[in-house]
Amino acid sequence: MKKEIAEWQLLLYIAGQTPKSIKALENIKKYAEEHLKGKYSIEIIDLLKNPQLAEGDQILAVPTLVRKFPEPIRKIIGDLSNEERVLVGLNIKPIKS
């Protein structure tokens, strides 16, 4: 059976379990469940454990969310608390209820 690849591949770069990192993870999980349900994957990359991984995506601050796919790659820095800014930044069309 072929493994299905998520339509939206998100990477969240953090530096340990700081309040901002925890908030960013909570926020992106909430937005993704709301607007991308069943179509996304989120990979958490802790730069305290793997600092060399920051170079690949040119991470200069944490937390940073990177949309790897669909291209083009997009980045958002911060705790992701402004939902509208995150959706616009990732180019996610809000689901109308």
Protein backbone atom coordinates (compact mmCIF):
# COMPACT_ATOMS: atom_id res chain seq x y z
CA MET A 1 0.00 0.00 0.00
CA LYS A 2 1.36 3.39 -1.04
CA LYS A 3 1.86 5.95 1.71
CA GLU A 4 -0.21 9.02 1.01
CA ILE A 5 1.73 12.28 0.97
CA ALA A 6 0.08 15.21 2.72
CA GLU A 7 -1.06 18.02 0.45
CA TRP A 8 0.27 20.55 2.98
CA GLN A 9 3.68 19.87 4.52
CA LEU A 10 4.46 22.19 7.41
CA LEU A 11 7.63 22.40 9.50
CA LEU A 12 7.68 24.18 12.85
CA TYR A 13 11.13 25.19 14.02
CA ILE A 14 11.37 25.72 17.79
CA ALA A 15 14.13 26.00 20.40
CA GLY A 16 12.98 23.87 23.31
CA GLN A 17 9.65 23.99 25.09
CA THR A 18 9.38 27.76 25.50
CA PRO A 19 5.96 29.39 26.00
CA LYS A 20 6.15 30.87 22.47
CA SER A 21 7.03 27.50 20.94
CA ILE A 22 4.20 25.73 22.77
CA LYS A 23 1.74 28.45 21.74
CA ALA A 24 2.90 28.28 18.10
CA LEU A 25 2.36 24.51 18.02
CA GLU A 26 -1.09 24.78 19.62
CA ASN A 27 -2.08 27.50 17.15
CA ILE A 28 -0.91 25.78 13.97
CA LYS A 29 -2.54 22.49 15.03
CA LYS A 30 -5.82 24.33 15.61
CA TYR A 31 -5.71 26.20 12.28
CA ALA A 32 -4.67 23.10 10.33
CA GLU A 33 -7.48 21.01 11.85
CA GLU A 34 -9.95 23.78 11.08
CA HIS A 35 -8.87 24.59 7.52
CA LEU A 36 -6.79 21.64 6.23
CA LYS A 37 -8.34 18.65 8.03
CA GLY A 38 -6.89 15.39 6.70
CA LYS A 39 -4.65 17.18 4.19
CA TYR A 40 -1.62 18.22 6.25
CA SER A 41 1.42 17.05 8.17
CA ILE A 42 3.32 19.05 10.78
CA GLU A 43 6.92 18.20 11.60
CA ILE A 44 8.41 19.74 14.75
CA ILE A 45 12.13 20.53 14.55
CA ASP A 46 13.77 21.41 17.86
CA LEU A 47 16.90 23.41 17.11
CA LEU A 48 18.27 22.79 20.61
CA LYS A 49 18.51 19.11 19.64
CA ASN A 50 19.37 19.59 15.94
CA PRO A 51 20.87 23.08 15.42
CA GLN A 52 22.33 22.09 12.04
CA LEU A 53 18.81 21.82 10.60
CA ALA A 54 18.31 25.60 10.82
CA GLU A 55 20.63 26.16 7.88
CA GLY A 56 18.59 24.20 5.32
CA ASP A 57 15.55 26.47 5.60
CA GLN A 58 17.59 29.55 6.59
CA ILE A 59 15.93 29.87 9.99
CA LEU A 60 16.99 33.06 11.74
CA ALA A 61 14.42 33.21 14.56
CA VAL A 62 12.17 30.78 16.43
CA PRO A 63 9.45 29.77 16.43
CA THR A 64 9.25 29.75 12.62
CA LEU A 65 6.63 27.91 10.59
CA VAL A 66 7.70 26.83 7.10
CA ARG A 67 5.28 25.68 4.42
CA LYS A 68 7.38 23.24 2.35
CA PHE A 69 4.55 22.07 0.15
CA PRO A 70 2.66 23.26 -1.80
CA GLU A 71 5.38 25.44 -3.25
CA PRO A 72 6.44 28.21 -3.14
CA ILE A 73 7.99 27.85 0.31
CA ARG A 74 6.58 30.34 2.81
CA LYS A 75 7.72 31.27 6.32
CA ILE A 76 5.99 32.84 9.30
CA ILE A 77 7.88 33.85 12.44
CA GLY A 78 6.30 34.08 15.88
CA ASP A 79 3.75 32.29 18.04
CA LEU A 80 1.17 32.23 15.19
CA SER A 81 -1.51 33.78 17.41
CA ASN A 82 -2.96 35.97 14.63
CA GLU A 83 -5.03 33.41 12.69
CA GLU A 84 -5.81 35.70 9.76
CA ARG A 85 -2.11 36.56 9.30
CA VAL A 86 -1.16 32.87 9.40
CA LEU A 87 -3.84 31.88 6.88
CA VAL A 88 -2.86 34.70 4.53
CA GLY A 89 0.84 33.96 5.03
CA LEU A 90 0.37 30.30 4.17
CA ASN A 91 -2.13 31.13 1.42
CA ILE A 92 -4.85 29.01 3.02
CA LYS A 93 -8.37 29.86 1.98
CA PRO A 94 -10.58 29.86 5.10
CA ILE A 95 -13.40 27.34 5.00
CA LYS A 96 -16.73 29.16 5.02
CA SER A 97 -19.14 27.83 7.61
